[in-house]
Amino acid sequence: MEANAIQDSGLFRPVTPGGEVIKMSEKRAHALAVEPKFKCRDVRVFYGATEALHGIDMDIENTGVTALIGPSGCGKSTFLRVFNRMNDTIPNARVTGDILMDGENIYDKKIDPVLLRARVGMVFQKPNPFPKSIYDNVAYGPRIHGLATKKNDLNEIVETSLQKAGLWNEVKDRLKDPGTSLSGGQQQRLVIARAIAVSPEVILMDEPASALDPIATAKLEELIDELKEKFCIVIVTHSMAQAARVSQKTAFFHLGDLVEYDDTEVIFKNPKDQRTQDYITGRTG
């Protein structure tokens, strides 16, 4: 990918033809570090004539984990998909309002959703490895985005990504095996390795542990705890205990409204809204 093919902005970092990121100025890097990763203002999502989200205002920090909680159908997964424009793929879906990533509106017509999704990775409810080898699952993104031109560089990206996903030691001797041959928990970590192989800044997770057993869930939560230092992570979960364990910020949604958004400890110990209190204590849900 040529250096001028990616916008020199907070959203898309310039790269050399070999895929190396060109460092931004210290002043800009500092500004981005203290600013929220996302600023959402009056965000509304419509499916046809039905308004699924009602004027959401929220800032999400550069690193750490933000949990989205609430009963089924409350809009949390719809909101999650706003950040990588996955709602664009749904017929009759429409998003209004401002969603700024590093100060740039990701719904601006000049923004390429494909490049955006390379910067904002997503892990779905059920593991979805490609019908390829373990190696090729992780190498797929770097190949199509031109991030590695040499075999050794690609090998390094694959190994590093699998290490970050806590999977390298389990698969290093079977990289040619199908990704689908792994256990459910391993497949989910493989999908995370695939996501981080293209050096995203954000990882979205839509109930990533719902199909996993308790042991695999514990490993996934340990991984999230490690990744939070370097990535902005937004996770949808139905598990109150999981939200309390892995997140630093929690947002409670109800019937398409953002009821409350605060530090996780505040949400679970001293919520300001009675609806939040009723939900986390099991009175409603």
Foldseek 3Di string as FASTA:
>chain_A
DDQVVFDVALQTFGAHLQQHGDDDDPVLVVVLQPAFQKFFFQKWKDQAPRIQAGTDTDTFHQFFEEEEEEDPSLCPVVVLCVQLVPQVVPPRMDIDTAIDGSHHGCPPPVHDSVSNCLQEPEQEQFQDFDQFFLLCSQLVVCVVVNNHDDPVVSVVLLQVLCVLLVHCVVCVPPRRHTLVVDDRLNSSSSSSSSSCSSPHQEYEYENNCPPDDPVSVVSNLVSLQSCRVRHRYYYYHHDLVSCLSGGQKYWYGGSNYGPDIDGSCCLQPPDPDVVSVCVNVVVDD
